[in-house]
Amino acid sequence: MMQTIFEREYRREKQLEVNRRLELQKKPPKEKPRDEAKVQQELKKTLDEVEEKFFQAVTDGDEETRAMLQQRAQNVNDGNDAEPENCLKAMSGKTYQWKGQYSKGETSN
């Protein structure tokens, strides 16, 4: 009985070895030549869609804010830093302080 178990395992190992060799001998699939212009066009289209969705979500329909953000993004993309006055203008308005939970003995300032 042990002899049959060993024979079965030997045949199984042999078959695995043959399958492994056949797998290594297979030729890799040929890559289709890519049209770089088409790839760039699809990439540009996808980026434009993402940018449009981003500005819709961030500005909530406010065209002035949208124009300001687009200009700042263009400045950064062109390598120009955004002007500090524009950054401060975007942050103007009322601010709110966090009033979280404090451990025993601590108080807010």
C-alpha atoms as a PDB file:
ATOM      1  CA  MET A   1       0.000   0.000   0.000  1.00  0.00           C
ATOM      2  CA  MET A   2       2.797   2.427   0.819  1.00  0.00           C
ATOM      3  CA  GLN A   3       4.360   1.614  -2.525  1.00  0.00           C
ATOM      4  CA  THR A   4       1.239   2.827  -4.389  1.00  0.00           C
ATOM      5  CA  ILE A   5       1.188   6.072  -2.403  1.00  0.00           C
ATOM      6  CA  PHE A   6       4.822   6.768  -3.289  1.00  0.00           C
ATOM      7  CA  GLU A   7       4.216   5.938  -6.955  1.00  0.00           C
ATOM      8  CA  ARG A   8       1.220   8.265  -7.103  1.00  0.00           C
ATOM      9  CA  GLU A   9       3.197  11.103  -5.514  1.00  0.00           C
ATOM     10  CA  TYR A  10       6.112  10.468  -7.879  1.00  0.00           C
ATOM     11  CA  ARG A  11       3.829  10.681 -10.940  1.00  0.00           C
ATOM     12  CA  ARG A  12       2.243  13.849  -9.563  1.00  0.00           C
ATOM     13  CA  GLU A  13       5.632  15.504  -9.022  1.00  0.00           C
ATOM     14  CA  LYS A  14       6.750  14.412 -12.486  1.00  0.00           C
ATOM     15  CA  GLN A  15       3.611  15.930 -14.054  1.00  0.00           C
ATOM     16  CA  LEU A  16       4.132  19.196 -12.168  1.00  0.00           C
ATOM     17  CA  GLU A  17       7.703  19.352 -13.444  1.00  0.00           C
ATOM     18  CA  VAL A  18       6.567  18.774 -17.040  1.00  0.00           C
ATOM     19  CA  ASN A  19       3.891  21.476 -16.709  1.00  0.00           C
ATOM     20  CA  ARG A  20       6.460  23.911 -15.293  1.00  0.00           C
ATOM     21  CA  ARG A  21       8.835  23.310 -18.230  1.00  0.00           C
ATOM     22  CA  LEU A  22       6.042  23.744 -20.767  1.00  0.00           C
ATOM     23  CA  GLU A  23       5.025  27.003 -19.122  1.00  0.00           C
ATOM     24  CA  LEU A  24       8.575  28.321 -19.365  1.00  0.00           C
ATOM     25  CA  GLN A  25       8.798  27.371 -23.044  1.00  0.00           C
ATOM     26  CA  LYS A  26       5.684  29.331 -23.983  1.00  0.00           C
ATOM     27  CA  LYS A  27       6.404  32.522 -25.841  1.00  0.00           C
ATOM     28  CA  PRO A  28       5.285  35.697 -24.149  1.00  0.00           C
ATOM     29  CA  PRO A  29       2.297  37.303 -25.859  1.00  0.00           C
ATOM     30  CA  LYS A  30       3.167  39.942 -28.390  1.00  0.00           C
ATOM     31  CA  GLU A  31       2.470  43.462 -27.286  1.00  0.00           C
ATOM     32  CA  LYS A  32       0.282  45.451 -29.568  1.00  0.00           C
ATOM     33  CA  PRO A  33       1.976  48.570 -30.839  1.00  0.00           C
ATOM     34  CA  ARG A  34       0.478  51.526 -29.007  1.00  0.00           C
ATOM     35  CA  ASP A  35      -0.422  54.698 -30.753  1.00  0.00           C
ATOM     36  CA  GLU A  36       1.183  57.272 -28.463  1.00  0.00           C
ATOM     37  CA  ALA A  37      -0.916  60.104 -29.862  1.00  0.00           C
ATOM     38  CA  LYS A  38      -4.092  58.208 -29.031  1.00  0.00           C
ATOM     39  CA  VAL A  39      -2.836  57.374 -25.543  1.00  0.00           C
ATOM     40  CA  GLN A  40      -1.979  61.032 -24.904  1.00  0.00           C
ATOM     41  CA  GLN A  41      -5.381  62.117 -26.210  1.00  0.00           C
ATOM     42  CA  GLU A  42      -7.196  59.665 -23.897  1.00  0.00           C
ATOM     43  CA  LEU A  43      -5.054  60.766 -20.966  1.00  0.00           C
ATOM     44  CA  LYS A  44      -5.820  64.439 -21.636  1.00  0.00           C
ATOM     45  CA  LYS A  45      -9.544  63.667 -21.904  1.00  0.00           C
ATOM     46  CA  THR A  46      -9.505  61.771 -18.603  1.00  0.00           C
ATOM     47  CA  LEU A  47      -7.565  64.519 -16.831  1.00  0.00           C
ATOM     48  CA  ASP A  48      -9.972  67.167 -18.130  1.00  0.00           C
ATOM     49  CA  GLU A  49     -12.941  65.162 -16.819  1.00  0.00           C
ATOM     50  CA  VAL A  50     -11.326  64.730 -13.407  1.00  0.00           C
ATOM     51  CA  GLU A  51     -10.448  68.416 -13.239  1.00  0.00           C
ATOM     52  CA  GLU A  52     -14.005  69.413 -14.173  1.00  0.00           C
ATOM     53  CA  LYS A  53     -15.503  67.146 -11.479  1.00  0.00           C
ATOM     54  CA  PHE A  54     -13.015  68.499  -8.935  1.00  0.00           C
ATOM     55  CA  PHE A  55     -13.896  72.135  -9.583  1.00  0.00           C
ATOM     56  CA  GLN A  56     -17.617  71.355  -9.505  1.00  0.00           C
ATOM     57  CA  ALA A  57     -17.264  69.655  -6.131  1.00  0.00           C
ATOM     58  CA  VAL A  58     -15.005  72.302  -4.596  1.00  0.00           C
ATOM     59  CA  THR A  59     -16.664  75.512  -5.766  1.00  0.00           C
ATOM     60  CA  ASP A  60     -20.346  74.585  -5.417  1.00  0.00           C
ATOM     61  CA  GLY A  61     -21.174  76.599  -8.537  1.00  0.00           C
ATOM     62  CA  ASP A  62     -19.402  79.825  -7.501  1.00  0.00           C
ATOM     63  CA  GLU A  63     -17.779  80.983 -10.743  1.00  0.00           C
ATOM     64  CA  GLU A  64     -15.553  83.605  -9.079  1.00  0.00           C
ATOM     65  CA  THR A  65     -14.012  81.020  -6.749  1.00  0.00           C
ATOM     66  CA  ARG A  66     -13.687  78.601  -9.633  1.00  0.00           C
ATOM     67  CA  ALA A  67     -11.836  81.150 -11.756  1.00  0.00           C
ATOM     68  CA  MET A  68      -9.502  81.996  -8.861  1.00  0.00           C
ATOM     69  CA  LEU A  69      -8.723  78.305  -8.203  1.00  0.00           C
ATOM     70  CA  GLN A  70      -8.159  77.612 -11.885  1.00  0.00           C
ATOM     71  CA  GLN A  71      -5.772  80.549 -12.127  1.00  0.00           C
ATOM     72  CA  ARG A  72      -3.846  79.381  -9.053  1.00  0.00           C
ATOM     73  CA  ALA A  73      -3.641  75.854 -10.461  1.00  0.00           C
ATOM     74  CA  GLN A  74      -2.402  77.216 -13.782  1.00  0.00           C
ATOM     75  CA  ASN A  75       0.251  79.281 -11.979  1.00  0.00           C
ATOM     76  CA  VAL A  76       1.461  76.221 -10.091  1.00  0.00           C
ATOM     77  CA  ASN A  77       1.491  74.117 -13.269  1.00  0.00           C
ATOM     78  CA  ASP A  78       3.487  76.795 -15.058  1.00  0.00           C
ATOM     79  CA  GLY A  79       6.006  76.914 -12.229  1.00  0.00           C
ATOM     80  CA  ASN A  80       4.899  80.309 -10.896  1.00  0.00           C
ATOM     81  CA  ASP A  81       4.033  80.513  -7.230  1.00  0.00           C
ATOM     82  CA  ALA A  82       0.598  81.736  -6.288  1.00  0.00           C
ATOM     83  CA  GLU A  83       0.621  85.307  -5.052  1.00  0.00           C
ATOM     84  CA  PRO A  84       0.269  85.582  -1.246  1.00  0.00           C
ATOM     85  CA  GLU A  85      -2.498  88.181  -1.480  1.00  0.00           C
ATOM     86  CA  ASN A  86      -4.675  85.754  -3.432  1.00  0.00           C
ATOM     87  CA  CYS A  87      -4.083  83.060  -0.820  1.00  0.00           C
ATOM     88  CA  LEU A  88      -5.066  85.416   1.991  1.00  0.00           C
ATOM     89  CA  LYS A  89      -8.162  86.532   0.126  1.00  0.00           C
ATOM     90  CA  ALA A  90      -9.264  82.909  -0.170  1.00  0.00           C
ATOM     91  CA  MET A  91      -8.901  82.445   3.598  1.00  0.00           C
ATOM     92  CA  SER A  92     -10.636  85.642   4.704  1.00  0.00           C
ATOM     93  CA  GLY A  93     -13.793  85.399   6.739  1.00  0.00           C
ATOM     94  CA  LYS A  94     -14.825  84.142  10.132  1.00  0.00           C
ATOM     95  CA  THR A  95     -12.821  81.292  11.632  1.00  0.00           C
ATOM     96  CA  TYR A  96     -14.026  78.839  14.204  1.00  0.00           C
ATOM     97  CA  GLN A  97     -12.014  77.457  17.078  1.00  0.00           C
ATOM     98  CA  TRP A  98     -12.279  73.809  18.010  1.00  0.00           C
ATOM     99  CA  LYS A  99     -13.976  73.198  21.313  1.00  0.00           C
ATOM    100  CA  GLY A 100     -13.290  69.560  21.962  1.00  0.00           C
ATOM    101  CA  GLN A 101     -13.216  67.502  25.069  1.00  0.00           C
ATOM    102  CA  TYR A 102     -10.507  68.149  27.601  1.00  0.00           C
ATOM    103  CA  SER A 103      -9.122  65.809  30.188  1.00  0.00           C
ATOM    104  CA  LYS A 104      -9.592  66.593  33.880  1.00  0.00           C
ATOM    105  CA  GLY A 105      -8.002  69.833  34.956  1.00  0.00           C
ATOM    106  CA  GLU A 106      -7.427  71.240  31.426  1.00  0.00           C
ATOM    107  CA  THR A 107      -9.296  74.255  30.150  1.00  0.00           C
ATOM    108  CA  SER A 108      -9.418  76.136  26.885  1.00  0.00           C
ATOM    109  CA  ASN A 109      -7.352  79.319  26.539  1.00  0.00           C
END
